Amino acid sequence: MIKVSVCIPSYNSEKYIKQAIQSVFLQNYKDYEIVIVDDGSCDSTQQIIENYANNDKRITFHKNEVNLGIVGNFNKCLEFCRGEFVKFLLADDVFLSPDCLGRFVDVLESHPDVSLVSSGRKLIDSNSRGIGEAVCYEEGLYSPGSEIIKDCLLYLKNRIGEPTSVLFRKELLSRGFDENYEQLLDLEMWFYLLEKGDFFYIKDCLVGFRVHPEQATQKNKQNLTYLNDFCLLLNDYCHKKYIKFSKIKKKIGLLKHFDKIYKLYKNGKLKFHDMKTLIEGYMPFAVFLFLRPFYKISKNIIRIKYLR
């Protein structure tokens, strides 16, 4: 069996796809395949990939007959990969270190209880220049998966990393990415995997996460998809027994998120109707307005209780 499937979902990625593929070729660890699934690109992405695939048998290339969107394309990658471990690499990202794959694999092979491993990432711009670092756990971490899920829900942040940042065991998958999510599909999948094992975090920045205007993340922030996804995530996971959040804490989590939505409206970044619709999907708007002053007064005290 192939050890690692490097999955590259692509769509109109002609500017970056070469760098992504080349960064895999530069890895010291060689027991891998590259699975590339293109979601109907209308630029030269497909031609670039075909040129690579025709000259390297490690590359398997599939073209979707119709555009499936991000979630559908990610799941197609999972269908075609044959490796024991799965390593996503978004088409506009890169593996920074030649030891990237090897270090990820070492963690899973030496820690059988770990279901998901992630690392720090360097933020790069459209010209591959470094613009910062994103390291969630600066001292590294080895933790029960349920604690990381609680950590993310507490801060309403992805404290694990983007798809390029993680490696996981394919045998743990009994489903693909949840199609109900558009922006936080990766975080929801990490939660699903962390229900099955421990989490290991490598503090070093082994991958490069590209930040540019054309990426799906930036577009989803503009159309507010991520706001709805956080509500959905809270609704799907706060009731889990291992979370052990009281009804009050669950309500506080929603209020914290709704307060962010309300501030976007106050700052002119969100229309009143859109703000109200987002909140009313989970709580009557009048109830939110009634509870918001109490949340603002007590949030610092509540935060201390959360962290105990």
Protein backbone atom coordinates (compact mmCIF):
# COMPACT_ATOMS: atom_id res chain seq x y z
CA MET A 1 0.00 0.00 0.00
CA ILE A 2 1.06 3.55 -0.72
CA LYS A 3 1.76 5.33 2.54
CA VAL A 4 0.62 8.91 1.76
CA SER A 5 -1.90 10.27 -0.71
CA VAL A 6 -1.19 13.93 -1.40
CA CYS A 7 -4.56 15.27 -2.57
CA ILE A 8 -4.59 18.47 -4.61
CA PRO A 9 -8.09 19.80 -5.41
CA SER A 10 -7.78 22.44 -8.13
CA TYR A 11 -9.90 25.07 -9.84
CA ASN A 12 -8.51 27.87 -12.02
CA SER A 13 -5.13 27.47 -10.34
CA GLU A 14 -2.80 28.13 -13.27
CA LYS A 15 -0.83 30.74 -11.33
CA TYR A 16 0.08 28.44 -8.43
CA ILE A 17 -0.38 24.76 -9.33
CA LYS A 18 3.21 24.30 -10.54
CA GLN A 19 4.62 25.50 -7.21
CA ALA A 20 2.32 23.15 -5.33
CA ILE A 21 3.34 20.09 -7.36
CA GLN A 22 7.03 20.98 -7.29
CA SER A 23 6.94 21.32 -3.50
CA VAL A 24 5.81 17.67 -3.31
CA PHE A 25 8.57 16.52 -5.63
CA LEU A 26 11.12 18.20 -3.33
CA GLN A 27 10.10 16.07 -0.32
CA ASN A 28 12.74 13.79 1.17
CA TYR A 29 9.99 11.29 2.00
CA LYS A 30 9.14 9.44 -1.22
CA ASP A 31 6.39 6.91 -0.42
CA TYR A 32 3.54 8.97 -1.80
CA GLU A 33 1.12 9.39 -4.68
CA ILE A 34 -0.30 12.69 -5.91
CA VAL A 35 -4.03 12.75 -6.60
CA ILE A 36 -5.19 15.86 -8.45
CA VAL A 37 -8.88 16.47 -9.12
CA ASP A 38 -9.76 19.50 -11.22
CA ASP A 39 -13.22 20.97 -10.86
CA GLY A 40 -13.72 22.23 -14.40
CA SER A 41 -11.10 24.94 -14.66
CA CYS A 42 -11.54 27.41 -17.51
CA ASP A 43 -7.92 28.56 -17.57
CA SER A 44 -4.77 26.54 -18.37
CA THR A 45 -4.80 24.55 -15.10
CA GLN A 46 -5.79 21.25 -16.73
CA GLN A 47 -3.09 21.49 -19.39
CA ILE A 48 -0.43 22.18 -16.76
CA ILE A 49 -1.54 19.18 -14.68
CA GLU A 50 -1.72 16.88 -17.72
CA ASN A 51 1.85 17.78 -18.64
CA TYR A 52 3.00 16.70 -15.20
CA ALA A 53 0.82 13.58 -15.12
CA ASN A 54 2.04 12.38 -18.53
CA ASN A 55 5.62 12.49 -17.29
CA ASP A 56 5.28 11.15 -13.74
CA LYS A 57 3.42 7.96 -12.83
CA ARG A 58 3.05 9.09 -9.23
CA ILE A 59 0.40 11.57 -10.38
CA THR A 60 -3.20 10.52 -10.88
CA PHE A 61 -5.31 13.18 -12.58
CA HIS A 62 -9.12 13.31 -12.70
CA LYS A 63 -11.35 15.93 -14.30
CA ASN A 64 -14.89 16.45 -13.05
CA GLU A 65 -17.47 16.46 -15.82
CA VAL A 66 -19.40 19.19 -14.00
CA ASN A 67 -18.31 21.67 -11.36
CA LEU A 68 -18.90 20.08 -7.94
CA GLY A 69 -17.82 22.97 -5.75
CA ILE A 70 -15.26 22.85 -2.95
CA VAL A 71 -16.89 20.15 -0.83
CA GLY A 72 -17.66 17.90 -3.78
CA ASN A 73 -14.15 18.25 -5.16
CA PHE A 74 -12.56 17.47 -1.79
CA ASN A 75 -14.67 14.33 -1.55
CA LYS A 76 -13.66 13.27 -5.07
CA CYS A 77 -10.04 13.46 -3.91
CA LEU A 78 -10.89 11.10 -1.05
CA GLU A 79 -12.58 8.69 -3.47
CA PHE A 80 -9.51 8.35 -5.65
CA CYS A 81 -6.71 8.27 -3.07
CA ARG A 82 -5.16 4.91 -2.14
CA GLY A 83 -2.78 5.86 0.66
CA GLU A 84 -2.85 4.83 4.29
CA PHE A 85 -2.54 8.51 5.25
CA VAL A 86 -4.18 11.51 3.55
CA LYS A 87 -2.38 14.84 3.12
CA PHE A 88 -4.28 17.64 1.43
CA LEU A 89 -2.36 20.34 -0.40
CA LEU A 90 -4.49 23.16 -1.76
CA ALA A 91 -3.45 24.14 -5.26
CA ASP A 92 -2.35 27.62 -4.17
CA ASP A 93 -0.38 26.39 -1.14
CA VAL A 94 3.05 24.74 -0.81
CA PHE A 95 5.05 22.40 1.38
CA LEU A 96 7.80 24.67 2.73
CA SER A 97 10.19 22.15 4.21
CA PRO A 98 11.58 19.09 2.37
CA ASP A 99 11.00 17.24 5.65
CA CYS A 100 7.32 18.19 5.77
CA LEU A 101 5.82 14.83 4.74
CA GLY A 102 8.38 12.83 6.67
CA ARG A 103 7.74 14.64 9.94
CA PHE A 104 3.98 14.29 9.60
CA VAL A 105 4.25 10.58 8.84
CA ASP A 106 6.63 10.02 11.76
CA VAL A 107 3.99 11.34 14.16
CA LEU A 108 1.25 8.98 12.98
CA GLU A 109 3.58 5.99 12.85
CA SER A 110 4.97 6.58 16.32
CA HIS A 111 1.66 7.57 17.95
CA PRO A 112 -1.05 5.05 17.01
CA ASP A 113 -3.65 6.89 19.10
CA VAL A 114 -3.24 10.11 17.11
CA SER A 115 -5.95 10.57 14.49
CA LEU A 116 -4.91 14.03 13.27
CA VAL A 117 -1.59 15.85 13.14
CA SER A 118 -1.11 19.50 12.18
CA SER A 119 1.69 22.03 12.05
CA GLY A 120 2.34 25.73 12.07
CA ARG A 121 2.13 27.49 8.74
CA LYS A 122 3.80 30.43 7.13
CA LEU A 123 1.50 32.95 5.48
CA ILE A 124 2.56 33.88 1.95
CA ASP A 125 1.14 36.35 -0.56
CA SER A 126 0.39 35.91 -4.25
CA ASN A 127 4.11 36.34 -5.01
CA SER A 128 5.16 33.75 -2.41
CA ARG A 129 6.57 36.39 -0.08
CA GLY A 130 6.26 35.72 3.63
CA ILE A 131 3.70 37.96 5.34
CA GLY A 132 3.49 36.31 8.74
CA GLU A 133 3.13 33.05 10.62
CA ALA A 134 0.15 31.21 12.07
CA VAL A 135 1.13 28.96 14.96
CA CYS A 136 -1.81 27.90 17.11
CA TYR A 137 0.17 26.15 19.87
CA GLU A 138 3.62 27.70 20.15
CA GLU A 139 5.04 24.98 22.39
CA GLY A 140 3.63 22.13 20.31
CA LEU A 141 0.90 19.91 21.68
CA TYR A 142 -0.20 16.31 22.22
CA SER A 143 -3.79 16.28 23.44
CA PRO A 144 -7.02 14.27 23.52
CA GLY A 145 -9.05 15.19 20.47
CA SER A 146 -12.10 16.20 22.49
CA GLU A 147 -10.08 18.92 24.27
CA ILE A 148 -9.13 20.49 20.95
CA ILE A 149 -12.75 20.49 19.80
CA LYS A 150 -13.71 22.29 23.02
CA ASP A 151 -10.82 24.73 22.51
CA CYS A 152 -12.02 25.64 19.02
CA LEU A 153 -15.63 26.03 20.15
CA LEU A 154 -14.57 28.17 23.10
CA TYR A 155 -12.63 30.64 20.95
CA LEU A 156 -14.85 30.23 17.85
CA LYS A 157 -11.65 29.80 15.85
CA ASN A 158 -9.95 27.12 13.81
CA ARG A 159 -7.02 26.36 16.13
CA ILE A 160 -6.03 23.29 14.10
CA GLY A 161 -5.22 24.62 10.65
CA GLU A 162 -6.34 24.66 7.04
CA PRO A 163 -6.41 21.50 4.83
CA THR A 164 -2.78 21.92 3.79
CA SER A 165 -1.78 21.89 7.47
CA VAL A 166 -2.96 18.41 8.44
CA LEU A 167 -2.37 14.69 7.93
CA PHE A 168 -4.85 11.99 8.96
CA ARG A 169 -5.54 8.26 8.72
CA LYS A 170 -7.82 7.28 5.83
CA GLU A 171 -9.14 4.24 7.72
CA LEU A 172 -10.93 6.55 10.15
CA LEU A 173 -13.17 7.93 7.41
CA SER A 174 -16.64 6.47 7.14
CA ARG A 175 -17.85 9.58 5.31
CA GLY A 176 -16.50 12.53 3.42
CA PHE A 177 -16.61 16.27 4.11
CA ASP A 178 -20.06 17.46 5.21
CA GLU A 179 -21.86 19.15 2.33
CA ASN A 180 -23.83 21.36 4.74
CA TYR A 181 -20.67 23.42 5.24
CA GLU A 182 -19.19 25.81 2.68
CA GLN A 183 -16.35 27.53 4.57
CA LEU A 184 -15.72 25.47 7.71
CA LEU A 185 -15.90 22.10 5.95
CA ASP A 186 -12.31 21.44 7.00
CA LEU A 187 -12.82 22.30 10.68
CA GLU A 188 -15.95 20.13 10.84
CA MET A 189 -13.97 17.23 9.35
CA TRP A 190 -11.17 17.77 11.89
CA PHE A 191 -13.77 17.58 14.66
CA TYR A 192 -15.09 14.34 13.17
CA LEU A 193 -11.58 12.85 13.15
CA LEU A 194 -10.72 14.14 16.62
CA GLU A 195 -13.71 12.30 18.01
CA LYS A 196 -11.80 9.15 17.06
CA GLY A 197 -8.36 9.89 18.54
CA ASP A 198 -5.73 12.30 19.81
CA PHE A 199 -4.26 15.45 18.29
CA PHE A 200 -0.57 16.21 17.73
CA TYR A 201 0.65 19.69 16.83
CA ILE A 202 4.08 20.44 15.36
CA LYS A 203 4.98 24.02 16.18
CA ASP A 204 7.34 24.47 13.19
CA CYS A 205 5.95 26.09 10.04
CA LEU A 206 6.17 23.18 7.60
CA VAL A 207 3.66 24.47 5.04
CA GLY A 208 2.90 27.73 3.28
CA PHE A 209 -0.70 28.99 3.34
CA ARG A 210 -1.30 31.50 0.57
CA VAL A 211 -3.44 34.57 1.24
CA HIS A 212 -4.76 36.27 -1.89
CA PRO A 213 -8.00 37.93 -3.06
CA GLU A 214 -9.05 35.09 -5.39
CA GLN A 215 -9.03 32.33 -2.78
CA ALA A 216 -12.32 30.80 -1.67
CA THR A 217 -11.76 31.87 1.95
CA GLN A 218 -11.72 35.56 1.05
CA LYS A 219 -14.81 35.21 -1.15
CA ASN A 220 -16.70 33.37 1.58
CA LYS A 221 -15.86 36.13 4.05
CA GLN A 222 -17.39 38.62 1.67
CA ASN A 223 -20.60 36.63 1.20
CA LEU A 224 -20.81 35.83 4.95
CA THR A 225 -20.77 32.06 4.46
CA TYR A 226 -18.36 31.61 7.35
CA LEU A 227 -20.78 33.33 9.75
CA ASN A 228 -23.51 30.80 9.07
CA ASP A 229 -21.03 27.92 9.23
CA PHE A 230 -19.96 28.85 12.76
CA CYS A 231 -23.60 28.80 13.86
CA LEU A 232 -24.00 25.39 12.24
CA LEU A 233 -20.83 24.09 13.90
CA LEU A 234 -21.96 25.22 17.33
CA ASN A 235 -25.35 23.66 16.76
CA ASP A 236 -23.84 20.34 15.58
CA TYR A 237 -21.20 19.87 18.28
CA CYS A 238 -22.12 21.72 21.47
CA HIS A 239 -24.59 18.98 22.42
CA LYS A 240 -21.94 16.23 22.29
CA LYS A 241 -21.48 14.45 25.62
CA TYR A 242 -17.70 14.85 25.65
CA ILE A 243 -18.01 18.63 25.30
CA LYS A 244 -19.72 18.83 28.70
CA PHE A 245 -20.91 22.39 28.12
CA SER A 246 -23.92 23.31 30.25
CA LYS A 247 -26.97 24.81 28.56
CA ILE A 248 -25.77 28.20 29.76
CA LYS A 249 -22.34 27.74 28.20
CA LYS A 250 -23.88 26.60 24.92
CA LYS A 251 -26.08 29.69 24.90
CA ILE A 252 -23.07 31.87 25.68
CA GLY A 253 -21.20 30.39 22.73
CA LEU A 254 -24.02 31.37 20.39
CA LEU A 255 -24.30 34.82 21.97
CA LYS A 256 -20.58 35.37 21.49
CA HIS A 257 -20.88 34.56 17.81
CA PHE A 258 -24.08 36.58 17.36
CA ASP A 259 -22.40 39.56 19.04
CA LYS A 260 -19.70 39.46 16.35
CA ILE A 261 -22.41 39.39 13.68
CA TYR A 262 -24.19 42.33 15.33
CA LYS A 263 -20.94 44.34 15.42
CA LEU A 264 -20.49 43.76 11.68
CA TYR A 265 -23.91 45.33 11.18
CA LYS A 266 -23.05 48.26 13.47
CA ASN A 267 -19.79 48.84 11.56
CA GLY A 268 -21.64 48.95 8.25
CA LYS A 269 -20.23 45.64 6.97
CA LEU A 270 -23.52 43.77 7.12
CA LYS A 271 -27.06 44.74 6.19
CA PHE A 272 -29.68 44.68 8.92
CA HIS A 273 -31.77 42.06 7.13
CA ASP A 274 -28.77 39.74 6.66
CA MET A 275 -27.71 40.16 10.29
CA LYS A 276 -31.20 39.45 11.58
CA THR A 277 -31.65 36.44 9.28
CA LEU A 278 -28.39 34.85 10.47
CA ILE A 279 -29.32 35.21 14.12
CA GLU A 280 -32.95 34.15 13.73
CA GLY A 281 -31.82 30.88 12.19
CA TYR A 282 -30.87 29.82 15.73
CA MET A 283 -32.47 32.28 18.17
CA PRO A 284 -35.34 34.82 18.07
CA PHE A 285 -33.85 38.22 17.36
CA ALA A 286 -35.76 39.82 20.25
CA VAL A 287 -34.26 37.26 22.63
CA PHE A 288 -30.77 38.10 21.38
CA LEU A 289 -31.33 41.82 21.93
CA PHE A 290 -32.60 41.09 25.44
CA LEU A 291 -29.66 38.83 26.35
CA ARG A 292 -26.87 40.83 24.68
CA PRO A 293 -26.40 43.42 27.52
CA PHE A 294 -26.11 40.62 30.09
CA TYR A 295 -23.57 38.84 27.87
CA LYS A 296 -21.46 41.98 27.49
CA ILE A 297 -21.40 42.60 31.24
CA SER A 298 -20.56 39.06 32.24
CA LYS A 299 -18.40 37.81 29.35
CA ASN A 300 -15.09 38.30 31.18
CA ILE A 301 -16.32 36.38 34.21
CA ILE A 302 -17.76 33.69 31.95
CA ARG A 303 -14.46 33.40 30.08
CA ILE A 304 -12.64 32.63 33.33
CA LYS A 305 -15.18 29.92 34.15
CA TYR A 306 -14.82 28.50 30.64
CA LEU A 307 -11.10 28.07 31.10
CA ARG A 308 -11.32 26.19 34.39
